[in-house]
Structure formats: C-alpha cells, structure tokens
Amino acid sequence: MNQTDQRYGYGAAGGSQALLDEGLRKHMLRVYNYMGIGLVLTGLVAFVVGTTPALYVPIFSSPLKWVVMLAPLAFVLFFSFRIQSMSAGAAQMMFWAFCAVMGLSLASVFLVFTGTSIARTFFIAATMFGATSLYGYTTKRDLANFGSFLMMGLIGVIIASVVNIFLGSSALQFAISIIGILVFVGLTAWDTQNIKEQYAENYSQESQQKLAVFGALSLYLNFVNIFQLLLNFTGERE
C-alpha cells in the first residue's frame, strides 16, 4: 500500500470514527434530556400534589397511598418485560407516565421535609450523580464485574428495607441509607458505561430511540434513589 492509499485509508477510518463519536454524543444527549425532562415532570407533580390539601389528603389518608407507593415498581417491571415489544413512541409515553406516577409517590416528601432542605438535597444529589455519571462515561476501566457486585448490594438493600418495614429499626434504616447511597452512586457509573457501550451506529432509529428511553429510565431511578436516601440525612423535618 503506498502512502496515498494509507492516507486515504486512514482518512476513511478517521471519518468513520468521527461519525460514531458524533452519533454517540447525540445518543447520550438524548438519554440525559429524557431523564432531565422526566425529573422535571416528577418534581412538578410531587410539588403540586404535596402542597395541595385537596389532593394529598384523599391519597395519603386512605389505602390509596399503598397503590401510589407501589405503582412505580409495577411500572418498572412492566417496562422491563415489554420494552422489546413496544414501539419507540409507546416506550416514551410509558416513561412519561412512570415519571408522573413517581411524582405522586414522592409528594409525601413535601409533607415531611422543609422546602429548603428538599432543594439543598436535590443539588447535592445532582452533583453526586453528575460526577459519577461522567466517570462512567469517560473511564477506560471495565465496570462489568463491579456492576455484578453492585447488583448484589441492591438486592441486599431491597431485602433489608422490606424487613425494616416490620422492625422499624432506626439503626438498620441508617445502615440501609448509607449502603444504598453507595450502591446507587456506583450503579450510576455502571449504567452510564452500559448505555455508552450499547450504542451502535447501525441500529435503526426505532431501536436507538428505545435504547435512549430505557437508558434514561435506569439513570432516572438511580438519581431518585440517591435523592431519597440523602434526604434521610440532610432533610430538615417540618
């Protein structure tokens, strides 16, 4: 191969890599945009419901509160099992519906904590999330094994939380919060790397759209859990 061929070959490879990098950048931006809009929707619903007695009294003073609390879990399970068979549009609508339902579930924080402490905790959570997500995107280290360990930790946190519903132990709740924050911070880096690695330039527009929605859901859940667990430490009660 002469120098001209090498130069053109290199140029073709370089151009292909540039297109891949540009496509990945747009994909990650789409993921973060979905997540950000979802958080705004959740915050608005939580604020409106949590500050309007005509709305929160019928919900949180009746068995309906259990429906509101468990509905997000049902959404996540449904999403996980049906995402492959959904259209991109349906997946996006399901994501917005989930964010609104999560807002109903989180409305109770406005009944328990002061607005100032909620805002402060949100910015702390956003800083932690942003730093770890950036690490997950930029690191060359493979986080796959680390992710398996985090998933085991997540299962442990869920089991301990269910047990503590019956025990009501403040010490156990403190431990759950500490471990939970570490787990979800780690999951943020792991999920970000997974979202980056799952992107492929030759995916159809429909598949890329669904990947973006599901990626946004993963990061959204990490952020919300970090926020809720941090609120146990930094929140000032009414």
Protein backbone atom coordinates (compact mmCIF):
# COMPACT_ATOMS: atom_id res chain seq x y z
CA MET A 1 0.00 0.00 0.00
CA ASN A 2 1.51 3.35 -0.99
CA GLN A 3 1.45 6.49 1.09
CA THR A 4 -1.55 7.84 -0.78
CA ASP A 5 -3.59 4.69 -0.09
CA GLN A 6 -2.53 4.77 3.54
CA ARG A 7 -3.52 8.37 3.80
CA TYR A 8 -6.94 7.77 2.27
CA GLY A 9 -7.44 4.61 4.30
CA TYR A 10 -6.63 6.45 7.46
CA GLY A 11 -8.95 9.24 6.42
CA ALA A 12 -11.81 6.80 5.87
CA ALA A 13 -11.24 5.18 9.26
CA GLY A 14 -10.93 8.56 10.91
CA GLY A 15 -14.14 9.75 9.27
CA SER A 16 -15.99 6.61 10.38
CA GLN A 17 -14.78 7.08 13.95
CA ALA A 18 -15.82 10.72 13.86
CA LEU A 19 -19.32 9.73 12.74
CA LEU A 20 -19.51 7.12 15.51
CA ASP A 21 -18.39 9.65 18.12
CA GLU A 22 -20.92 12.19 16.89
CA GLY A 23 -23.70 9.61 16.93
CA LEU A 24 -22.76 8.52 20.45
CA ARG A 25 -22.71 12.11 21.63
CA LYS A 26 -26.22 12.69 20.28
CA HIS A 27 -27.42 9.42 21.80
CA MET A 28 -26.10 10.28 25.28
CA LEU A 29 -27.55 13.78 24.99
CA ARG A 30 -30.94 12.25 24.15
CA VAL A 31 -30.69 9.97 27.20
CA TYR A 32 -29.88 12.86 29.55
CA ASN A 33 -32.60 15.03 28.01
CA TYR A 34 -35.24 12.34 28.59
CA MET A 35 -34.01 11.85 32.13
CA GLY A 36 -33.98 15.60 32.83
CA ILE A 37 -37.49 16.15 31.46
CA GLY A 38 -38.67 13.15 33.47
CA LEU A 39 -37.24 14.63 36.67
CA VAL A 40 -38.92 17.97 35.95
CA LEU A 41 -42.25 16.20 35.40
CA THR A 42 -41.80 14.22 38.64
CA GLY A 43 -40.90 17.36 40.58
CA LEU A 44 -43.89 19.31 39.29
CA VAL A 45 -46.36 16.53 40.10
CA ALA A 46 -44.81 16.00 43.55
CA PHE A 47 -44.90 19.72 44.34
CA VAL A 48 -48.47 20.29 43.16
CA VAL A 49 -49.85 17.24 44.97
CA GLY A 50 -47.71 17.71 48.10
CA THR A 51 -48.75 21.33 48.57
CA THR A 52 -52.44 20.94 47.73
CA PRO A 53 -54.52 19.54 50.63
CA ALA A 54 -57.43 18.74 48.33
CA LEU A 55 -55.11 16.32 46.52
CA TYR A 56 -52.82 14.83 49.15
CA VAL A 57 -55.42 14.31 51.91
CA PRO A 58 -57.56 11.82 49.91
CA ILE A 59 -54.41 10.00 48.78
CA PHE A 60 -52.28 9.73 51.91
CA SER A 61 -55.08 9.34 54.44
CA SER A 62 -56.58 6.29 52.76
CA PRO A 63 -55.47 2.86 51.45
CA LEU A 64 -54.91 4.63 48.12
CA LYS A 65 -51.47 5.60 49.43
CA TRP A 66 -50.32 1.98 49.04
CA VAL A 67 -51.39 2.00 45.41
CA VAL A 68 -49.44 5.21 44.84
CA MET A 69 -46.37 3.85 46.63
CA LEU A 70 -46.32 0.51 44.78
CA ALA A 71 -47.34 1.77 41.34
CA PRO A 72 -43.79 2.86 40.34
CA LEU A 73 -42.49 -0.66 40.98
CA ALA A 74 -45.26 -2.10 38.79
CA PHE A 75 -44.33 0.36 36.03
CA VAL A 76 -40.65 -0.61 36.17
CA LEU A 77 -41.42 -4.33 35.99
CA PHE A 78 -43.84 -3.83 33.10
CA PHE A 79 -41.31 -1.63 31.32
CA SER A 80 -38.50 -4.18 31.73
CA PHE A 81 -40.53 -7.07 30.32
CA ARG A 82 -42.29 -5.21 27.49
CA ILE A 83 -39.70 -2.71 26.24
CA GLN A 84 -38.63 -5.00 23.35
CA SER A 85 -42.16 -5.36 22.01
CA MET A 86 -43.09 -1.68 22.39
CA SER A 87 -42.75 0.92 19.71
CA ALA A 88 -40.42 3.83 20.44
CA GLY A 89 -43.41 6.16 20.82
CA ALA A 90 -45.15 3.83 23.27
CA ALA A 91 -41.96 3.43 25.31
CA GLN A 92 -41.59 7.19 25.53
CA MET A 93 -45.19 7.69 26.63
CA MET A 94 -44.81 4.93 29.20
CA PHE A 95 -41.71 6.68 30.56
CA TRP A 96 -43.57 9.99 30.97
CA ALA A 97 -46.45 8.18 32.69
CA PHE A 98 -43.99 6.49 35.04
CA CYS A 99 -42.38 9.83 35.92
CA ALA A 100 -45.80 11.31 36.73
CA VAL A 101 -46.70 8.34 38.94
CA MET A 102 -43.35 8.64 40.69
CA GLY A 103 -44.21 12.28 41.34
CA LEU A 104 -47.37 11.15 43.14
CA SER A 105 -45.30 8.76 45.24
CA LEU A 106 -42.75 11.45 46.11
CA ALA A 107 -45.38 14.06 47.02
CA SER A 108 -45.13 12.90 50.63
CA VAL A 109 -41.65 14.43 51.00
CA PHE A 110 -43.27 17.87 50.88
CA LEU A 111 -45.40 16.84 53.85
CA VAL A 112 -42.40 15.67 55.88
CA PHE A 113 -39.43 17.89 54.93
CA THR A 114 -38.96 21.63 54.52
CA GLY A 115 -38.75 23.07 51.02
CA THR A 116 -35.26 24.45 51.68
CA SER A 117 -33.86 21.08 52.70
CA ILE A 118 -35.51 19.38 49.71
CA ALA A 119 -33.88 21.87 47.33
CA ARG A 120 -30.49 21.54 49.08
CA THR A 121 -30.63 17.74 48.92
CA PHE A 122 -31.59 17.86 45.26
CA PHE A 123 -28.48 19.85 44.36
CA ILE A 124 -26.25 17.55 46.44
CA ALA A 125 -27.76 14.52 44.71
CA ALA A 126 -27.35 16.18 41.30
CA THR A 127 -23.66 16.86 42.00
CA MET A 128 -23.01 13.28 43.10
CA PHE A 129 -24.93 11.90 40.14
CA GLY A 130 -23.20 14.16 37.62
CA ALA A 131 -19.70 13.31 38.88
CA THR A 132 -20.24 9.55 38.87
CA SER A 133 -22.05 9.52 35.53
CA LEU A 134 -19.16 11.49 33.99
CA TYR A 135 -16.75 8.95 35.44
CA GLY A 136 -18.75 6.09 33.96
CA TYR A 137 -18.72 7.77 30.55
CA THR A 138 -15.02 8.64 30.44
CA THR A 139 -13.31 5.78 32.31
CA LYS A 140 -11.41 3.13 30.34
CA ARG A 141 -11.87 0.63 33.17
CA ASP A 142 -14.38 -2.16 32.58
CA LEU A 143 -17.04 -1.85 35.29
CA ALA A 144 -18.80 -5.14 34.46
CA ASN A 145 -17.51 -7.06 37.49
CA PHE A 146 -18.09 -4.02 39.67
CA GLY A 147 -21.69 -3.93 38.40
CA SER A 148 -22.33 -7.54 39.43
CA PHE A 149 -21.22 -6.68 42.95
CA LEU A 150 -23.49 -3.61 42.98
CA MET A 151 -26.49 -5.64 41.87
CA MET A 152 -25.95 -7.99 44.82
CA GLY A 153 -25.76 -4.95 47.07
CA LEU A 154 -29.00 -3.62 45.59
CA ILE A 155 -30.79 -6.90 46.30
CA GLY A 156 -29.49 -6.76 49.87
CA VAL A 157 -30.75 -3.19 50.32
CA ILE A 158 -34.21 -4.13 49.00
CA ILE A 159 -34.48 -7.14 51.31
CA ALA A 160 -33.28 -5.14 54.32
CA SER A 161 -35.76 -2.35 53.53
CA VAL A 162 -38.66 -4.81 53.41
CA VAL A 163 -37.57 -6.37 56.71
CA ASN A 164 -37.26 -2.96 58.32
CA ILE A 165 -40.88 -2.15 57.44
CA PHE A 166 -41.81 -4.63 60.16
CA LEU A 167 -38.89 -3.97 62.54
CA GLY A 168 -38.90 -0.18 62.38
CA SER A 169 -35.24 -0.04 63.46
CA SER A 170 -33.63 3.41 63.14
CA ALA A 171 -30.14 1.84 63.24
CA LEU A 172 -30.99 -0.51 60.39
CA GLN A 173 -32.53 2.36 58.43
CA PHE A 174 -29.32 4.36 58.90
CA ALA A 175 -27.25 1.44 57.58
CA ILE A 176 -29.63 0.94 54.65
CA SER A 177 -29.34 4.61 53.72
CA ILE A 178 -25.53 4.62 53.81
CA ILE A 179 -25.15 1.40 51.83
CA GLY A 180 -27.95 2.39 49.47
CA ILE A 181 -26.30 5.69 48.56
CA LEU A 182 -23.01 3.91 47.80
CA VAL A 183 -24.83 1.30 45.72
CA PHE A 184 -26.81 3.78 43.62
CA VAL A 185 -23.82 6.07 43.11
CA GLY A 186 -21.90 3.06 41.83
CA LEU A 187 -24.81 1.96 39.67
CA THR A 188 -24.87 5.40 38.07
CA ALA A 189 -21.32 4.93 36.78
CA TRP A 190 -22.03 1.33 35.72
CA ASP A 191 -25.29 2.18 33.93
CA THR A 192 -23.68 5.12 32.14
CA GLN A 193 -20.92 2.88 30.80
CA ASN A 194 -23.51 0.28 29.73
CA ILE A 195 -25.57 2.90 27.90
CA LYS A 196 -22.43 4.07 26.10
CA GLU A 197 -21.38 0.52 25.15
CA GLN A 198 -24.85 -0.50 23.98
CA TYR A 199 -24.93 2.25 21.39
CA ALA A 200 -24.26 1.08 17.86
CA GLU A 201 -24.28 3.29 14.79
CA ASN A 202 -26.01 0.63 12.66
CA TYR A 203 -29.05 0.39 14.96
CA SER A 204 -32.29 1.56 13.43
CA GLN A 205 -33.72 4.88 14.57
CA GLU A 206 -36.51 2.99 16.34
CA SER A 207 -34.03 0.84 18.29
CA GLN A 208 -31.86 3.82 19.22
CA GLN A 209 -34.92 5.67 20.48
CA LYS A 210 -35.92 2.75 22.73
CA LEU A 211 -32.35 2.39 23.97
CA ALA A 212 -32.36 6.06 24.89
CA VAL A 213 -35.64 5.76 26.80
CA PHE A 214 -34.53 2.67 28.70
CA GLY A 215 -31.16 4.26 29.46
CA ALA A 216 -32.93 7.37 30.76
CA LEU A 217 -35.10 5.17 32.99
CA SER A 218 -32.03 3.49 34.51
CA LEU A 219 -30.30 6.78 35.28
CA TYR A 220 -33.54 8.35 36.48
CA LEU A 221 -34.07 5.56 39.02
CA ASN A 222 -30.51 5.93 40.29
CA PHE A 223 -30.92 9.67 40.76
CA VAL A 224 -34.29 9.41 42.53
CA ASN A 225 -32.96 6.79 44.93
CA ILE A 226 -29.84 8.83 45.70
CA PHE A 227 -32.07 11.83 46.40
CA GLN A 228 -34.45 9.92 48.67
CA LEU A 229 -31.67 8.28 50.68
CA LEU A 230 -29.77 11.55 51.05
CA LEU A 231 -32.92 13.24 52.26
CA ASN A 232 -32.85 10.96 55.31
CA PHE A 233 -29.55 12.65 56.30
CA THR A 234 -29.80 16.23 55.09
CA GLY A 235 -33.57 16.77 55.25
CA GLU A 236 -35.00 19.06 57.91
CA ARG A 237 -38.40 17.84 59.00
CA GLU A 238 -41.43 20.11 59.20
